[in-house]
């Protein structure tokens, strides 16, 4: 199916969804920002309401909430922030292979409760077509709570999401993905907020060095820090390697490595039997 046809299909589906009030799980990333723009436009035409619901969690960097707040304001959307502390759940602390499912079950359970209290029948999230082809155990939780994923339903890929977001002038169009910080550690590693905060600080420093649109992951394997980034970022890191090593070692690791395979989403999932 061509992108133009997918866009028309998406618009038609969003108009159908917006016949009732909508609660959208809104991270401030490009996927949910595109959906917020379309849902808000359709809701205004039909006299319904869209709630952009952001989870303020300790497993996501502070920049996520900042971005979500800014973009919701740009789109003149009704923004709701729900506080969540994932590590209150003992079963999540050891970063099990089904962590994503456990977290999503918690988050979307809260979204369901929020929506139920306001009589909102439609729950929505930004899962796209690409997400259907990688290890995403959290999708099971979406099915359990009846959450719809318009982008995936219409076969729209991440690249196509970015293209559409740029067409609509959405500021998140070029924003890199910022997945859960627990993905920076191998499965089975104990999750502590102290370590996660250090990793987040390291990534933020690297992003300031490489630029806001750079793809960066700082993965920590015990006393080894493994940096994933784009080829152009590798060149810059190598030119400034003494500064990079010094800064990242200050986070508490002994060794600092540059992954020559480069940035890739889900690199910790390679050993998972999908």
Foldseek 3Di string as FASTA:
>chain_A
DDLVVLVVVLLVVLLVLLLEEEEEAAQLALLSLLSVLSNVVSNVVNVYAYEHEYEDELQFDPVRVVNRVVLCVVSVHHYHYHYDYVVVDVVPQQQAPLNLQVVLLVVVVVVLVVCVVVVGDAYEYRDACVNVVDDRNNVVSCVVSVHDHSRNVSRHDLVSSLVVCVVVVRPNSLADDTDGLSLLEARRHGDDSLLSVLQSVLQVVLCVQVHRSWDWHFHDYPQETEIATDPVSVVSCVVVVVVSQVSSVVSPHDYYYYDPVHDDPPPSCPPPDD
